[in-house]
């Protein structure tokens, strides 16, 4: 019987966004997303760095990043954690990088914002891999938003969300035990 030898996986480390590495995030985003983000986007990231997290392989190569913001519904005042970007370089996908970045949002960012009712984002129609990624993480694929993107095709996107009500209920049950 022969066994295949597998290369050991490289270590994935998460790190903070700083004004020294925000330029690296810009380059990563330009290579991952069909949308170009402007200087105002990156300046906003630097103001609330805990809403972003970077994924490094063996400590020195940036291979992924996630950036969020807080949105408040004007009618209900409900707060959502909105994932603006979550991207991983193509050659590093399916290695757990995206899962680690999403776990950061669902654990650390959610813990800092107990008022948040959900985590949400938009996924471009046709990005089936991203839709499956979020579905596997317990997100719901909601309505299709026509013409969400102005400079890319297809321009439509799905609203994808995960309610935090269940998480808060689970935590309350744990406290009772």
N, C-alpha and C. Protein backbone atom coordinates (compact mmCIF):
# COMPACT_ATOMS: atom_id res chain seq x y z
N UNK A 1 0.84 -1.18 0.00
CA UNK A 1 0.00 0.00 0.00
C UNK A 1 0.89 1.24 0.00
N UNK A 2 0.61 2.13 -0.90
CA UNK A 2 1.38 3.37 -0.96
C UNK A 2 0.56 4.50 -0.38
N UNK A 3 1.25 5.42 0.24
CA UNK A 3 0.57 6.60 0.78
C UNK A 3 1.16 7.83 0.12
N UNK A 4 0.28 8.75 -0.15
CA UNK A 4 0.73 10.01 -0.73
C UNK A 4 1.27 10.90 0.38
N UNK A 5 2.40 11.49 0.13
CA UNK A 5 2.90 12.45 1.12
C UNK A 5 2.35 13.82 0.76
N UNK A 6 1.87 14.49 1.75
CA UNK A 6 1.32 15.83 1.55
C UNK A 6 2.30 16.85 2.10
N UNK A 7 2.40 17.95 1.39
CA UNK A 7 3.21 19.04 1.90
C UNK A 7 2.53 19.58 3.15
N UNK A 8 3.31 19.84 4.19
CA UNK A 8 2.68 20.44 5.36
C UNK A 8 2.12 21.82 5.02
N UNK A 9 0.97 22.10 5.56
CA UNK A 9 0.37 23.40 5.30
C UNK A 9 1.18 24.49 5.95
N UNK A 10 1.25 25.60 5.25
CA UNK A 10 1.94 26.74 5.82
C UNK A 10 1.06 27.34 6.91
N UNK A 11 1.67 27.97 7.86
CA UNK A 11 0.95 28.56 8.98
C UNK A 11 0.22 29.82 8.53
N UNK A 12 -1.06 29.89 8.87
CA UNK A 12 -1.87 31.07 8.59
C UNK A 12 -1.95 31.86 9.89
N UNK A 13 -1.50 33.08 9.85
CA UNK A 13 -1.55 33.95 11.02
C UNK A 13 -2.40 35.16 10.71
N UNK A 14 -3.23 35.55 11.67
CA UNK A 14 -4.01 36.76 11.51
C UNK A 14 -3.27 37.91 12.17
N UNK A 15 -3.40 39.09 11.58
CA UNK A 15 -2.74 40.27 12.12
C UNK A 15 -3.58 41.50 11.91
N UNK A 16 -3.22 42.53 12.61
CA UNK A 16 -3.98 43.77 12.59
C UNK A 16 -3.64 44.63 11.37
N UNK A 17 -4.59 45.42 10.96
CA UNK A 17 -4.36 46.44 9.95
C UNK A 17 -3.66 47.62 10.63
N UNK A 18 -2.64 48.13 9.99
CA UNK A 18 -1.94 49.32 10.48
C UNK A 18 -1.75 50.29 9.32
N UNK A 19 -1.35 51.52 9.65
CA UNK A 19 -1.11 52.46 8.55
C UNK A 19 0.12 52.04 7.75
N UNK A 20 0.97 51.17 8.32
CA UNK A 20 2.14 50.68 7.57
C UNK A 20 1.78 49.60 6.56
N UNK A 21 0.69 48.85 6.78
CA UNK A 21 0.37 47.76 5.86
C UNK A 21 -0.91 47.96 5.06
N UNK A 22 -1.56 49.11 5.21
CA UNK A 22 -2.79 49.34 4.47
C UNK A 22 -2.53 49.35 2.96
N UNK A 23 -1.34 49.74 2.54
CA UNK A 23 -0.99 49.68 1.11
C UNK A 23 -0.97 48.26 0.59
N UNK A 24 -0.58 47.31 1.44
CA UNK A 24 -0.60 45.90 1.05
C UNK A 24 -2.04 45.42 0.84
N UNK A 25 -2.94 45.91 1.68
CA UNK A 25 -4.35 45.55 1.54
C UNK A 25 -4.89 46.09 0.22
N UNK A 26 -4.49 47.28 -0.14
CA UNK A 26 -4.92 47.87 -1.41
C UNK A 26 -4.48 46.97 -2.58
N UNK A 27 -3.23 46.52 -2.57
CA UNK A 27 -2.72 45.65 -3.64
C UNK A 27 -3.47 44.32 -3.64
N UNK A 28 -3.71 43.75 -2.47
CA UNK A 28 -4.46 42.50 -2.38
C UNK A 28 -5.85 42.68 -2.98
N UNK A 29 -6.55 43.73 -2.57
CA UNK A 29 -7.91 43.97 -3.08
C UNK A 29 -7.93 44.18 -4.59
N UNK A 30 -6.91 44.85 -5.12
CA UNK A 30 -6.84 45.05 -6.57
C UNK A 30 -6.68 43.72 -7.31
N UNK A 31 -6.08 42.73 -6.65
CA UNK A 31 -5.86 41.43 -7.27
C UNK A 31 -7.01 40.45 -7.04
N UNK A 32 -7.88 40.75 -6.08
CA UNK A 32 -8.94 39.81 -5.72
C UNK A 32 -10.31 40.24 -6.23
N UNK A 33 -10.59 41.54 -6.20
CA UNK A 33 -11.94 42.02 -6.48
C UNK A 33 -12.03 42.72 -7.83
N UNK A 34 -13.19 42.64 -8.47
CA UNK A 34 -13.39 43.33 -9.75
C UNK A 34 -13.67 44.82 -9.57
N UNK A 35 -13.76 45.27 -8.34
CA UNK A 35 -14.07 46.65 -8.00
C UNK A 35 -12.79 47.33 -7.51
N UNK A 36 -12.59 48.59 -7.87
CA UNK A 36 -11.46 49.35 -7.37
C UNK A 36 -11.96 50.27 -6.25
N UNK A 37 -11.32 50.17 -5.10
CA UNK A 37 -11.70 51.00 -3.96
C UNK A 37 -10.83 52.25 -3.92
N UNK A 38 -11.45 53.38 -3.57
CA UNK A 38 -10.75 54.67 -3.61
C UNK A 38 -10.01 54.95 -2.30
N UNK A 39 -9.28 56.07 -2.29
CA UNK A 39 -8.49 56.46 -1.13
C UNK A 39 -9.36 56.65 0.11
N UNK A 40 -10.56 57.15 -0.07
CA UNK A 40 -11.48 57.36 1.05
C UNK A 40 -11.80 56.03 1.75
N UNK A 41 -11.96 54.96 0.98
CA UNK A 41 -12.21 53.64 1.53
C UNK A 41 -11.07 53.23 2.47
N UNK A 42 -9.83 53.36 1.99
CA UNK A 42 -8.67 52.94 2.78
C UNK A 42 -8.43 53.86 3.97
N UNK A 43 -8.73 55.14 3.83
CA UNK A 43 -8.61 56.07 4.96
C UNK A 43 -9.61 55.69 6.06
N UNK A 44 -10.81 55.27 5.66
CA UNK A 44 -11.82 54.85 6.64
C UNK A 44 -11.37 53.58 7.37
N UNK A 45 -10.72 52.67 6.66
CA UNK A 45 -10.22 51.45 7.30
C UNK A 45 -9.23 51.79 8.41
N UNK A 46 -8.39 52.76 8.16
CA UNK A 46 -7.36 53.14 9.14
C UNK A 46 -7.94 53.76 10.40
N UNK A 47 -9.17 54.29 10.32
CA UNK A 47 -9.78 54.92 11.49
C UNK A 47 -10.32 53.91 12.49
N UNK A 48 -10.76 52.75 12.03
CA UNK A 48 -11.29 51.71 12.91
C UNK A 48 -10.62 50.39 12.54
N UNK A 49 -9.37 50.27 12.89
CA UNK A 49 -8.58 49.13 12.43
C UNK A 49 -9.07 47.80 12.99
N UNK A 50 -9.75 47.78 14.14
CA UNK A 50 -10.23 46.51 14.69
C UNK A 50 -11.33 45.89 13.83
N UNK A 51 -11.89 46.66 12.91
CA UNK A 51 -12.90 46.12 12.01
C UNK A 51 -12.28 45.45 10.79
N UNK A 52 -10.97 45.37 10.76
CA UNK A 52 -10.25 44.69 9.67
C UNK A 52 -9.27 43.69 10.28
N UNK A 53 -8.95 42.68 9.49
CA UNK A 53 -7.98 41.68 9.91
C UNK A 53 -7.28 41.16 8.66
N UNK A 54 -6.00 40.88 8.79
CA UNK A 54 -5.21 40.43 7.66
C UNK A 54 -4.75 39.00 7.89
N UNK A 55 -4.64 38.23 6.81
CA UNK A 55 -4.16 36.85 6.89
C UNK A 55 -2.81 36.77 6.22
N UNK A 56 -1.83 36.29 6.96
CA UNK A 56 -0.45 36.17 6.49
C UNK A 56 -0.07 34.70 6.46
N UNK A 57 0.70 34.31 5.48
CA UNK A 57 1.27 32.96 5.43
C UNK A 57 2.71 33.08 5.90
N UNK A 58 3.05 32.21 6.83
CA UNK A 58 4.39 32.20 7.46
C UNK A 58 4.86 33.59 7.86
N UNK A 59 3.91 34.45 8.23
CA UNK A 59 4.23 35.72 8.84
C UNK A 59 4.62 36.87 7.94
N UNK A 60 4.88 36.63 6.64
CA UNK A 60 5.36 37.75 5.84
C UNK A 60 4.68 37.94 4.50
N UNK A 61 3.78 37.05 4.11
CA UNK A 61 3.11 37.21 2.82
C UNK A 61 1.61 37.38 3.05
N UNK A 62 1.10 38.55 2.68
CA UNK A 62 -0.32 38.83 2.83
C UNK A 62 -1.10 38.05 1.77
N UNK A 63 -2.02 37.19 2.21
CA UNK A 63 -2.79 36.38 1.27
C UNK A 63 -4.30 36.59 1.38
N UNK A 64 -4.74 37.34 2.41
CA UNK A 64 -6.16 37.57 2.56
C UNK A 64 -6.43 38.70 3.53
N UNK A 65 -7.64 39.25 3.47
CA UNK A 65 -8.02 40.33 4.37
C UNK A 65 -9.54 40.42 4.44
N UNK A 66 -10.02 40.91 5.56
CA UNK A 66 -11.44 41.21 5.72
C UNK A 66 -11.55 42.60 6.31
N UNK A 67 -12.54 43.35 5.84
CA UNK A 67 -12.80 44.70 6.35
C UNK A 67 -14.30 44.87 6.51
N UNK A 68 -14.70 45.40 7.66
CA UNK A 68 -16.12 45.58 7.98
C UNK A 68 -16.41 47.04 8.33
N UNK A 69 -17.68 47.32 8.44
CA UNK A 69 -18.14 48.60 8.97
C UNK A 69 -19.42 48.31 9.73
N UNK A 70 -19.87 49.27 10.50
CA UNK A 70 -21.14 49.16 11.20
C UNK A 70 -22.17 49.98 10.44
N UNK A 71 -23.32 49.38 10.17
CA UNK A 71 -24.42 50.07 9.51
C UNK A 71 -25.59 50.15 10.48
N UNK A 72 -26.25 51.29 10.48
CA UNK A 72 -27.43 51.47 11.33
C UNK A 72 -28.63 51.75 10.44
N UNK A 73 -29.66 50.94 10.56
CA UNK A 73 -30.87 51.13 9.78
C UNK A 73 -31.56 52.43 10.22
N UNK A 74 -31.83 53.31 9.28
CA UNK A 74 -32.41 54.61 9.59
C UNK A 74 -33.81 54.51 10.17
N UNK A 75 -34.54 53.46 9.82
CA UNK A 75 -35.91 53.31 10.29
C UNK A 75 -35.99 52.61 11.64
N UNK A 76 -35.28 51.49 11.76
CA UNK A 76 -35.40 50.67 12.97
C UNK A 76 -34.27 50.91 13.98
N UNK A 77 -33.21 51.58 13.56
CA UNK A 77 -32.00 51.77 14.38
C UNK A 77 -31.24 50.48 14.64
N UNK A 78 -31.61 49.40 13.95
CA UNK A 78 -30.90 48.13 14.11
C UNK A 78 -29.49 48.27 13.54
N UNK A 79 -28.52 47.70 14.24
CA UNK A 79 -27.12 47.76 13.82
C UNK A 79 -26.73 46.44 13.17
N UNK A 80 -26.07 46.55 12.02
CA UNK A 80 -25.54 45.39 11.31
C UNK A 80 -24.04 45.54 11.18
N UNK A 81 -23.34 44.42 11.23
CA UNK A 81 -21.93 44.39 10.88
C UNK A 81 -21.90 44.06 9.40
N UNK A 82 -21.38 44.98 8.60
CA UNK A 82 -21.37 44.81 7.16
C UNK A 82 -19.96 44.46 6.71
N UNK A 83 -19.80 43.31 6.06
CA UNK A 83 -18.51 42.91 5.51
C UNK A 83 -18.35 43.61 4.16
N UNK A 84 -17.44 44.60 4.13
CA UNK A 84 -17.20 45.33 2.89
C UNK A 84 -16.37 44.49 1.93
N UNK A 85 -15.34 43.85 2.47
CA UNK A 85 -14.49 42.97 1.66
C UNK A 85 -14.04 41.79 2.50
N UNK A 86 -14.02 40.63 1.88
CA UNK A 86 -13.36 39.45 2.44
C UNK A 86 -12.79 38.74 1.22
N UNK A 87 -11.49 38.79 1.09
CA UNK A 87 -10.86 38.24 -0.10
C UNK A 87 -9.58 37.49 0.22
N UNK A 88 -9.33 36.46 -0.57
CA UNK A 88 -8.13 35.63 -0.43
C UNK A 88 -7.54 35.45 -1.83
N UNK A 89 -6.23 35.59 -1.93
CA UNK A 89 -5.58 35.34 -3.22
C UNK A 89 -5.95 33.95 -3.73
N UNK A 90 -6.18 33.85 -5.02
CA UNK A 90 -6.70 32.61 -5.61
C UNK A 90 -5.89 31.37 -5.25
N UNK A 91 -4.58 31.45 -5.27
CA UNK A 91 -3.75 30.27 -5.00
C UNK A 91 -3.77 29.86 -3.53
N UNK A 92 -4.38 30.66 -2.65
CA UNK A 92 -4.46 30.32 -1.23
C UNK A 92 -5.89 30.03 -0.78
N UNK A 93 -6.80 29.91 -1.73
CA UNK A 93 -8.18 29.57 -1.38
C UNK A 93 -8.27 28.08 -1.05
N UNK A 94 -9.27 27.74 -0.27
CA UNK A 94 -9.53 26.36 0.17
C UNK A 94 -8.45 25.83 1.10
N UNK A 95 -7.77 26.74 1.78
CA UNK A 95 -6.76 26.36 2.78
C UNK A 95 -7.17 26.81 4.18
N UNK A 96 -8.39 27.34 4.31
CA UNK A 96 -8.87 27.78 5.61
C UNK A 96 -8.65 29.26 5.90
N UNK A 97 -8.06 29.99 4.96
CA UNK A 97 -7.79 31.41 5.18
C UNK A 97 -9.10 32.19 5.32
N UNK A 98 -10.01 32.00 4.37
CA UNK A 98 -11.30 32.69 4.42
C UNK A 98 -12.08 32.35 5.68
N UNK A 99 -12.04 31.08 6.07
CA UNK A 99 -12.74 30.66 7.30
C UNK A 99 -12.19 31.38 8.51
N UNK A 100 -10.86 31.52 8.58
CA UNK A 100 -10.25 32.22 9.72
C UNK A 100 -10.65 33.68 9.74
N UNK A 101 -10.67 34.30 8.58
CA UNK A 101 -11.07 35.71 8.51
C UNK A 101 -12.53 35.89 8.90
N UNK A 102 -13.40 35.01 8.41
CA UNK A 102 -14.82 35.09 8.76
C UNK A 102 -15.01 34.81 10.25
N UNK A 103 -14.27 33.87 10.80
CA UNK A 103 -14.36 33.57 12.24
C UNK A 103 -13.98 34.80 13.06
N UNK A 104 -12.99 35.56 12.60
CA UNK A 104 -12.62 36.80 13.30
C UNK A 104 -13.84 37.73 13.39
N UNK A 105 -14.54 37.88 12.27
CA UNK A 105 -15.72 38.75 12.26
C UNK A 105 -16.79 38.21 13.21
N UNK A 106 -17.09 36.91 13.08
CA UNK A 106 -18.18 36.33 13.86
C UNK A 106 -17.86 36.21 15.35
N UNK A 107 -16.60 36.22 15.70
CA UNK A 107 -16.22 36.14 17.11
C UNK A 107 -15.83 37.51 17.66
N UNK A 108 -14.73 38.05 17.19
CA UNK A 108 -14.15 39.26 17.77
C UNK A 108 -14.97 40.52 17.49
N UNK A 109 -15.36 40.72 16.23
CA UNK A 109 -16.10 41.94 15.91
C UNK A 109 -17.49 41.88 16.53
N UNK A 110 -18.14 40.72 16.46
CA UNK A 110 -19.46 40.58 17.06
C UNK A 110 -19.39 40.80 18.57
N UNK A 111 -18.34 40.27 19.23
CA UNK A 111 -18.20 40.46 20.68
C UNK A 111 -18.07 41.94 21.05
N UNK A 112 -17.41 42.73 20.20
CA UNK A 112 -17.25 44.16 20.47
C UNK A 112 -18.53 44.94 20.21
N UNK A 113 -19.47 44.32 19.49
CA UNK A 113 -20.71 45.01 19.13
C UNK A 113 -21.93 44.14 19.45
N UNK A 114 -22.23 43.98 20.74
CA UNK A 114 -23.38 43.14 21.12
C UNK A 114 -24.72 43.70 20.63
N UNK A 115 -24.72 44.96 20.24
CA UNK A 115 -25.95 45.57 19.72
C UNK A 115 -26.26 45.12 18.29
N UNK A 116 -25.30 44.51 17.62
CA UNK A 116 -25.50 44.09 16.22
C UNK A 116 -26.51 42.94 16.15
N UNK A 117 -27.43 43.04 15.19
CA UNK A 117 -28.45 42.01 15.02
C UNK A 117 -28.08 40.99 13.96
N UNK A 118 -27.15 41.38 13.05
CA UNK A 118 -26.73 40.44 12.01
C UNK A 118 -25.40 40.85 11.42
N UNK A 119 -24.85 39.93 10.63
CA UNK A 119 -23.67 40.19 9.81
C UNK A 119 -24.16 40.06 8.38
N UNK A 120 -23.81 41.01 7.54
CA UNK A 120 -24.32 40.98 6.17
C UNK A 120 -23.28 41.46 5.18
N UNK A 121 -23.52 41.16 3.93
CA UNK A 121 -22.65 41.57 2.83
C UNK A 121 -23.39 41.38 1.53
N UNK A 122 -22.80 41.84 0.45
CA UNK A 122 -23.32 41.59 -0.89
C UNK A 122 -22.33 40.72 -1.64
N UNK A 123 -22.86 39.76 -2.38
CA UNK A 123 -22.04 38.86 -3.19
C UNK A 123 -22.51 39.00 -4.63
N UNK A 124 -21.57 39.23 -5.52
CA UNK A 124 -21.90 39.42 -6.94
C UNK A 124 -22.56 38.16 -7.50
N UNK A 125 -23.65 38.36 -8.23
CA UNK A 125 -24.32 37.25 -8.91
C UNK A 125 -23.29 36.59 -9.83
N UNK A 126 -23.24 35.29 -9.80
CA UNK A 126 -22.28 34.55 -10.60
C UNK A 126 -21.06 34.10 -9.80
N UNK A 127 -20.87 34.65 -8.61
CA UNK A 127 -19.76 34.24 -7.76
C UNK A 127 -20.24 33.07 -6.89
N UNK A 128 -20.42 31.93 -7.56
CA UNK A 128 -20.98 30.75 -6.90
C UNK A 128 -20.11 30.25 -5.76
N UNK A 129 -18.79 30.36 -5.89
CA UNK A 129 -17.89 29.89 -4.83
C UNK A 129 -18.12 30.70 -3.55
N UNK A 130 -18.28 32.01 -3.68
CA UNK A 130 -18.53 32.85 -2.50
C UNK A 130 -19.89 32.55 -1.89
N UNK A 131 -20.90 32.36 -2.73
CA UNK A 131 -22.23 32.03 -2.22
C UNK A 131 -22.16 30.74 -1.40
N UNK A 132 -21.50 29.72 -1.91
CA UNK A 132 -21.37 28.45 -1.20
C UNK A 132 -20.56 28.60 0.09
N UNK A 133 -19.50 29.39 0.04
CA UNK A 133 -18.68 29.65 1.22
C UNK A 133 -19.55 30.20 2.36
N UNK A 134 -20.34 31.21 2.07
CA UNK A 134 -21.18 31.82 3.10
C UNK A 134 -22.32 30.90 3.53
N UNK A 135 -22.92 30.17 2.59
CA UNK A 135 -23.97 29.22 2.96
C UNK A 135 -23.42 28.16 3.91
N UNK A 136 -22.21 27.68 3.63
CA UNK A 136 -21.58 26.67 4.49
C UNK A 136 -21.27 27.23 5.88
N UNK A 137 -21.17 28.54 5.99
CA UNK A 137 -20.91 29.18 7.29
C UNK A 137 -22.21 29.59 7.99
N UNK A 138 -23.36 29.16 7.45
CA UNK A 138 -24.63 29.42 8.10
C UNK A 138 -25.32 30.71 7.68
N UNK A 139 -24.83 31.34 6.63
CA UNK A 139 -25.47 32.55 6.12
C UNK A 139 -26.65 32.18 5.23
N UNK A 140 -27.58 33.11 5.09
CA UNK A 140 -28.74 32.97 4.23
C UNK A 140 -28.54 33.86 3.01
N UNK A 141 -28.84 33.31 1.85
CA UNK A 141 -28.79 34.11 0.62
C UNK A 141 -30.17 34.74 0.45
N UNK A 142 -30.19 36.05 0.52
CA UNK A 142 -31.45 36.77 0.44
C UNK A 142 -31.76 37.26 -0.97
N UNK A 143 -32.39 38.41 -1.02
CA UNK A 143 -32.85 38.97 -2.29
C UNK A 143 -31.70 39.36 -3.20
N UNK A 144 -32.00 39.31 -4.49
CA UNK A 144 -31.07 39.81 -5.49
C UNK A 144 -31.29 41.32 -5.61
N UNK A 145 -30.21 42.08 -5.56
CA UNK A 145 -30.27 43.53 -5.67
C UNK A 145 -29.81 43.90 -7.09
N UNK A 146 -30.73 44.41 -7.87
CA UNK A 146 -30.42 44.77 -9.26
C UNK A 146 -29.49 45.98 -9.29
N UNK A 147 -28.52 45.93 -10.18
CA UNK A 147 -27.60 47.04 -10.41
C UNK A 147 -26.89 47.52 -9.15
N UNK A 148 -26.51 46.59 -8.29
CA UNK A 148 -25.79 46.94 -7.07
C UNK A 148 -24.43 47.55 -7.41
N UNK A 149 -23.75 46.95 -8.39
CA UNK A 149 -22.44 47.44 -8.81
C UNK A 149 -22.61 48.35 -10.01
N UNK A 150 -21.86 49.43 -10.05
CA UNK A 150 -22.02 50.37 -11.16
C UNK A 150 -20.98 50.18 -12.26
N UNK A 151 -19.83 49.57 -11.95
CA UNK A 151 -18.77 49.49 -12.95
C UNK A 151 -18.30 48.08 -13.25
N UNK A 152 -19.06 47.06 -12.85
CA UNK A 152 -18.69 45.68 -13.15
C UNK A 152 -19.90 44.91 -13.66
N UNK A 153 -19.62 43.86 -14.39
CA UNK A 153 -20.67 42.98 -14.89
C UNK A 153 -20.43 41.58 -14.34
N UNK A 154 -21.44 40.87 -13.93
CA UNK A 154 -22.82 41.34 -13.79
C UNK A 154 -22.92 42.36 -12.66
N UNK A 155 -23.84 43.27 -12.83
CA UNK A 155 -24.01 44.38 -11.88
C UNK A 155 -24.86 44.00 -10.67
N UNK A 156 -25.57 42.87 -10.75
CA UNK A 156 -26.46 42.46 -9.67
C UNK A 156 -25.69 41.74 -8.57
N UNK A 157 -26.25 41.79 -7.36
CA UNK A 157 -25.64 41.12 -6.21
C UNK A 157 -26.73 40.53 -5.32
N UNK A 158 -26.35 39.51 -4.58
CA UNK A 158 -27.25 38.94 -3.57
C UNK A 158 -26.92 39.57 -2.22
N UNK A 159 -27.95 39.86 -1.44
CA UNK A 159 -27.75 40.23 -0.05
C UNK A 159 -27.61 38.92 0.73
N UNK A 160 -26.51 38.76 1.42
CA UNK A 160 -26.22 37.54 2.17
C UNK A 160 -26.08 37.95 3.63
N UNK A 161 -26.72 37.22 4.54
CA UNK A 161 -26.73 37.65 5.93
C UNK A 161 -26.79 36.46 6.89
N UNK A 162 -26.38 36.73 8.11
CA UNK A 162 -26.45 35.75 9.19
C UNK A 162 -26.99 36.46 10.42
N UNK A 163 -28.11 35.97 10.92
CA UNK A 163 -28.71 36.56 12.11
C UNK A 163 -27.84 36.24 13.32
N UNK A 164 -27.70 37.21 14.20
CA UNK A 164 -26.95 36.99 15.44
C UNK A 164 -27.88 36.69 16.60
N UNK A 165 -29.17 36.70 16.35
CA UNK A 165 -30.14 36.41 17.40
C UNK A 165 -29.91 35.02 17.97
N UNK A 166 -29.64 34.03 17.09
CA UNK A 166 -29.41 32.66 17.55
C UNK A 166 -28.15 32.58 18.40
N UNK A 167 -27.10 33.29 18.02
CA UNK A 167 -25.85 33.28 18.78
C UNK A 167 -26.08 33.84 20.18
N UNK A 168 -26.82 34.94 20.26
CA UNK A 168 -27.09 35.55 21.56
C UNK A 168 -27.96 34.65 22.41
N UNK A 169 -28.91 33.95 21.80
CA UNK A 169 -29.74 33.00 22.53
C UNK A 169 -28.90 31.85 23.04
N UNK A 170 -28.00 31.32 22.19
CA UNK A 170 -27.10 30.24 22.60
C UNK A 170 -26.23 30.66 23.78
N UNK A 171 -25.72 31.90 23.76
CA UNK A 171 -24.87 32.38 24.85
C UNK A 171 -25.68 32.47 26.14
N UNK A 172 -26.94 32.91 26.05
CA UNK A 172 -27.78 33.00 27.23
C UNK A 172 -28.04 31.62 27.81
N UNK A 173 -28.23 30.61 26.96
CA UNK A 173 -28.45 29.24 27.43
C UNK A 173 -27.20 28.75 28.13
N UNK A 174 -26.02 29.05 27.57
CA UNK A 174 -24.77 28.63 28.19
C UNK A 174 -24.63 29.25 29.59
N UNK A 175 -25.08 30.48 29.75
CA UNK A 175 -24.96 31.13 31.05
C UNK A 175 -25.87 30.49 32.09
N UNK A 176 -26.97 29.90 31.66
CA UNK A 176 -27.91 29.25 32.58
C UNK A 176 -27.32 27.96 33.14
N UNK A 177 -26.57 27.24 32.30
CA UNK A 177 -26.01 25.95 32.73
C UNK A 177 -25.08 26.06 33.91
